[in-house]
Amino acid sequence: MIVRLDEPVAALDNVTLPDLSGFDVSGDERRCTATPHGSTCSETLTVAATIAGDRTIGPWTLDAVDGHTHRATRFSSNSVLVHVLGPSPLESMGALLRSLGFAALAAVVLLAIIGFAAWVFVRALPRPKPAVAEGVPESEPPEPPRGDDPSLRELVAALSREPTRRHALALRAALRRRIGALECETYDDLVARRALGNGEAEGFQAVERAAFCEDECVAAAAREAVSYLTR
């Protein structure tokens, strides 16, 4: 809107803007330029249509005193008809694709978050331990034959005559073969799986001590082992 006046003014205060429904106003600039012969005032609005179709922008109005008639008068501008085009098919398709892309991205992010939460939850669950019989080795040795072993009696007699570590180790090896002990099994393992019969545990343990104790204790441990094995 441009207004020309016959007198110098710094601003126009009685300007009424038209109804701008259907438009977004993004800028409003007012300016008055005074000269010795009058003033030129202008106001520029920057608008953007929000609805497609034919839109009418009504007149601007200015209330002022007419210089010719000296009477209060309302001056107005012309109305403006604006034809607002909708988005083109390509633009609509692009907007739809962008919306679908954002929705797909959001779905992927949501699924990733759910998957990560499920993984953390599963990792936090206590894991069941495999059911293994306590004290039973993976490879169960066959039940050894019981009874008197002439070589075992000879080894006990040798240990009784000479209570040395060599005879104790030989007797220990014979006892382990007799009960079918595995190479990796210790005395505690044999006790746990009940490989030793009634009355055998004490003698076997005494032989173990004689085989692995300090040198000065071998003879006493060997005599103790013989006393258990000859009962």
Protein backbone atom coordinates (compact mmCIF):
# COMPACT_ATOMS: atom_id res chain seq x y z
CA MET A 1 0.00 0.00 0.00
CA ILE A 2 1.28 3.51 -0.92
CA VAL A 3 -0.28 6.75 0.44
CA ARG A 4 0.67 10.28 -0.74
CA LEU A 5 -0.08 13.23 1.57
CA ASP A 6 0.13 17.01 1.07
CA GLU A 7 1.71 17.56 4.47
CA PRO A 8 4.86 16.12 6.02
CA VAL A 9 4.20 13.32 8.55
CA ALA A 10 6.53 10.87 10.29
CA ALA A 11 4.07 7.93 10.41
CA LEU A 12 0.49 6.90 9.67
CA ASP A 13 -1.31 5.65 12.77
CA ASN A 14 -4.85 5.19 11.42
CA VAL A 15 -4.20 2.44 8.89
CA THR A 16 -6.35 -0.72 9.23
CA LEU A 17 -5.06 -3.91 7.66
CA PRO A 18 -7.39 -6.20 5.70
CA ASP A 19 -8.52 -9.66 6.80
CA LEU A 20 -5.66 -12.03 6.00
CA SER A 21 -7.24 -15.34 7.01
CA GLY A 22 -5.78 -18.10 4.88
CA PHE A 23 -2.35 -16.44 4.86
CA ASP A 24 0.65 -16.47 7.17
CA VAL A 25 2.22 -13.01 7.65
CA SER A 26 6.00 -13.30 7.72
CA GLY A 27 6.95 -9.62 7.38
CA ASP A 28 5.50 -6.08 7.91
CA GLU A 29 7.51 -3.02 6.87
CA ARG A 30 6.26 0.60 7.22
CA ARG A 31 8.05 3.67 5.88
CA CYS A 32 7.23 7.40 5.51
CA THR A 33 9.33 9.83 3.49
CA ALA A 34 8.68 13.56 4.15
CA THR A 35 9.42 16.29 1.56
CA PRO A 36 8.68 20.05 1.45
CA HIS A 37 5.66 19.25 -0.75
CA GLY A 38 4.19 16.43 1.39
CA SER A 39 4.87 12.82 2.42
CA THR A 40 4.85 9.39 0.80
CA CYS A 41 4.06 6.52 3.12
CA SER A 42 4.14 2.82 2.27
CA GLU A 43 3.48 -0.45 4.06
CA THR A 44 4.62 -3.81 2.71
CA LEU A 45 3.35 -7.13 4.03
CA THR A 46 4.97 -10.46 3.15
CA VAL A 47 2.40 -13.25 3.21
CA ALA A 48 2.28 -16.95 2.35
CA ALA A 49 -0.92 -18.76 1.44
CA THR A 50 -1.91 -21.72 3.63
CA ILE A 51 -4.98 -22.90 1.68
CA ALA A 52 -5.24 -23.56 -2.04
CA GLY A 53 -7.98 -21.83 -4.06
CA ASP A 54 -9.16 -18.29 -4.82
CA ARG A 55 -8.56 -15.91 -1.95
CA THR A 56 -9.63 -12.26 -1.77
CA ILE A 57 -7.52 -9.76 0.15
CA GLY A 58 -9.80 -6.96 1.24
CA PRO A 59 -8.98 -3.23 1.03
CA TRP A 60 -6.66 -1.33 3.32
CA THR A 61 -8.38 1.59 5.03
CA LEU A 62 -7.07 4.94 6.30
CA ASP A 63 -9.06 7.33 8.51
CA ALA A 64 -7.95 10.96 7.87
CA VAL A 65 -9.27 14.49 7.27
CA ASP A 66 -9.81 15.25 3.60
CA GLY A 67 -7.74 18.30 2.66
CA HIS A 68 -10.32 19.48 0.13
CA THR A 69 -13.48 19.10 2.18
CA HIS A 70 -11.89 19.34 5.63
CA ARG A 71 -14.09 16.47 6.75
CA ALA A 72 -13.16 13.15 8.38
CA THR A 73 -13.04 10.58 5.63
CA ARG A 74 -12.17 6.89 5.32
CA PHE A 75 -9.93 6.14 2.37
CA SER A 76 -9.53 2.55 1.12
CA SER A 77 -7.54 0.63 -1.44
CA ASN A 78 -8.78 -1.86 -4.00
CA SER A 79 -9.42 -5.53 -3.16
CA VAL A 80 -7.04 -8.07 -4.60
CA LEU A 81 -8.07 -11.54 -5.85
CA VAL A 82 -5.35 -14.15 -5.41
CA HIS A 83 -5.49 -17.60 -7.03
CA VAL A 84 -3.51 -20.00 -4.84
CA LEU A 85 -2.33 -23.16 -6.60
CA GLY A 86 -2.03 -26.42 -4.68
CA PRO A 87 1.11 -28.52 -4.75
CA SER A 88 1.95 -30.26 -8.00
CA PRO A 89 1.65 -34.08 -8.25
CA LEU A 90 5.43 -34.38 -8.09
CA GLU A 91 5.58 -32.20 -4.99
CA SER A 92 2.77 -34.21 -3.39
CA MET A 93 4.55 -37.45 -4.22
CA GLY A 94 7.80 -36.07 -2.79
CA ALA A 95 6.07 -35.00 0.42
CA LEU A 96 4.45 -38.43 0.71
CA LEU A 97 7.76 -40.19 0.15
CA ARG A 98 9.44 -37.98 2.73
CA SER A 99 6.71 -38.78 5.24
CA LEU A 100 7.01 -42.50 4.51
CA GLY A 101 10.79 -42.29 4.81
CA PHE A 102 10.57 -40.59 8.19
CA ALA A 103 8.03 -43.17 9.36
CA ALA A 104 10.23 -46.07 8.18
CA LEU A 105 13.29 -44.55 9.86
CA ALA A 106 11.36 -44.10 13.10
CA ALA A 107 10.17 -47.73 12.91
CA VAL A 108 13.73 -49.00 12.36
CA VAL A 109 15.03 -46.96 15.30
CA LEU A 110 12.18 -48.21 17.50
CA LEU A 111 12.83 -51.84 16.51
CA ALA A 112 16.54 -51.39 17.20
CA ILE A 113 15.77 -50.00 20.67
CA ILE A 114 13.35 -52.87 21.41
CA GLY A 115 15.88 -55.44 20.17
CA PHE A 116 18.66 -53.97 22.28
CA ALA A 117 16.41 -53.88 25.36
CA ALA A 118 15.43 -57.54 24.77
CA TRP A 119 19.10 -58.53 24.38
CA VAL A 120 20.01 -56.78 27.64
CA PHE A 121 17.07 -58.45 29.39
CA VAL A 122 18.03 -61.94 28.14
CA ARG A 123 21.65 -61.38 29.12
CA ALA A 124 20.54 -60.40 32.63
CA LEU A 125 18.54 -63.61 33.15
CA PRO A 126 20.28 -66.27 35.28
CA ARG A 127 21.46 -69.13 33.12
CA PRO A 128 20.58 -72.67 34.27
CA LYS A 129 23.57 -74.80 35.15
CA PRO A 130 23.91 -78.17 33.41
CA ALA A 131 22.69 -81.05 35.51
CA VAL A 132 25.82 -82.99 36.40
CA ALA A 133 25.98 -85.46 39.24
CA GLU A 134 28.18 -84.02 41.94
CA GLY A 135 31.58 -85.61 42.18
CA VAL A 136 31.05 -87.93 39.16
CA PRO A 137 33.69 -87.55 36.43
CA GLU A 138 32.69 -87.31 32.77
CA SER A 139 34.11 -90.75 31.99
CA GLU A 140 33.01 -93.24 34.62
CA PRO A 141 35.62 -96.01 34.95
CA PRO A 142 34.38 -99.61 35.01
CA GLU A 143 33.91 -101.22 38.36
CA PRO A 144 37.19 -103.04 39.13
CA PRO A 145 37.15 -106.63 40.27
CA ARG A 146 37.43 -107.02 44.01
CA GLY A 147 39.40 -109.70 45.79
CA ASP A 148 42.91 -110.60 46.87
CA ASP A 149 45.66 -109.60 44.44
CA PRO A 150 48.91 -111.57 44.94
CA SER A 151 50.98 -108.70 43.50
CA LEU A 152 49.26 -106.25 45.88
CA ARG A 153 50.14 -108.45 48.85
CA GLU A 154 53.71 -108.58 47.66
CA LEU A 155 53.89 -104.77 47.38
CA VAL A 156 52.48 -104.37 50.90
CA ALA A 157 55.07 -106.84 52.18
CA ALA A 158 57.86 -105.00 50.34
CA LEU A 159 56.76 -101.69 51.87
CA SER A 160 56.70 -103.34 55.30
CA ARG A 161 60.29 -104.63 54.85
CA GLU A 162 61.60 -101.38 53.30
CA PRO A 163 59.40 -98.34 54.19
CA THR A 164 60.73 -96.19 51.32
CA ARG A 165 59.10 -93.76 48.90
CA ARG A 166 59.81 -96.08 45.94
CA HIS A 167 57.80 -98.94 47.44
CA ALA A 168 55.04 -96.48 48.49
CA LEU A 169 54.74 -95.18 44.92
CA ALA A 170 54.61 -98.71 43.52
CA LEU A 171 51.90 -99.68 46.01
CA ARG A 172 49.95 -96.50 45.25
CA ALA A 173 49.97 -97.27 41.51
CA ALA A 174 48.74 -100.83 42.15
CA LEU A 175 45.94 -99.60 44.41
CA ARG A 176 44.79 -97.06 41.80
CA ARG A 177 44.78 -99.72 39.09
CA ARG A 178 42.79 -102.01 41.37
CA ILE A 179 39.97 -99.47 41.85
CA GLY A 180 40.09 -98.24 38.22
CA ALA A 181 41.18 -94.68 39.02
CA LEU A 182 41.66 -92.27 36.12
CA GLU A 183 44.99 -90.52 35.68
CA CYS A 184 43.47 -87.12 36.41
CA GLU A 185 41.56 -88.20 39.56
CA THR A 186 42.82 -87.17 42.98
CA TYR A 187 42.15 -88.89 46.29
CA ASP A 188 39.27 -86.46 46.97
CA ASP A 189 37.77 -87.29 43.55
CA LEU A 190 37.86 -91.02 44.34
CA VAL A 191 36.21 -90.47 47.70
CA ALA A 192 33.56 -88.24 46.13
CA ARG A 193 32.53 -90.87 43.59
CA ARG A 194 32.78 -93.64 46.21
CA ALA A 195 35.41 -95.63 44.36
CA LEU A 196 36.91 -96.82 47.67
CA GLY A 197 35.18 -99.60 49.53
CA ASN A 198 34.55 -99.88 53.24
CA GLY A 199 37.81 -99.68 55.18
CA GLU A 200 39.90 -98.84 52.05
CA ALA A 201 39.91 -95.06 52.36
CA GLU A 202 42.21 -94.91 55.40
CA GLY A 203 44.80 -97.25 53.90
CA PHE A 204 44.72 -95.50 50.51
CA GLN A 205 45.14 -92.09 52.17
CA ALA A 206 48.07 -93.38 54.23
CA VAL A 207 49.77 -94.67 51.06
CA GLU A 208 49.23 -91.23 49.47
CA ARG A 209 50.98 -89.58 52.43
CA ALA A 210 53.91 -92.02 52.25
CA ALA A 211 54.30 -91.36 48.52
CA PHE A 212 54.32 -87.56 48.71
CA CYS A 213 55.34 -86.44 52.22
CA GLU A 214 58.76 -85.07 53.26
CA ASP A 215 61.69 -87.46 53.20
CA GLU A 216 61.99 -87.62 56.99
CA CYS A 217 58.30 -88.59 57.31
CA VAL A 218 58.23 -91.35 54.64
CA ALA A 219 59.11 -94.26 56.94
CA ALA A 220 56.49 -93.39 59.57
CA ALA A 221 53.80 -92.84 56.93
CA ALA A 222 54.72 -96.13 55.24
CA ARG A 223 54.40 -98.11 58.50
CA GLU A 224 51.02 -96.46 59.12
CA ALA A 225 49.86 -97.44 55.62
CA VAL A 226 51.01 -101.08 56.18
CA SER A 227 49.07 -101.20 59.45
CA TYR A 228 45.87 -100.12 57.66
CA LEU A 229 46.34 -102.53 54.73
CA THR A 230 47.13 -105.61 56.82
CA ARG A 231 44.15 -105.42 59.13
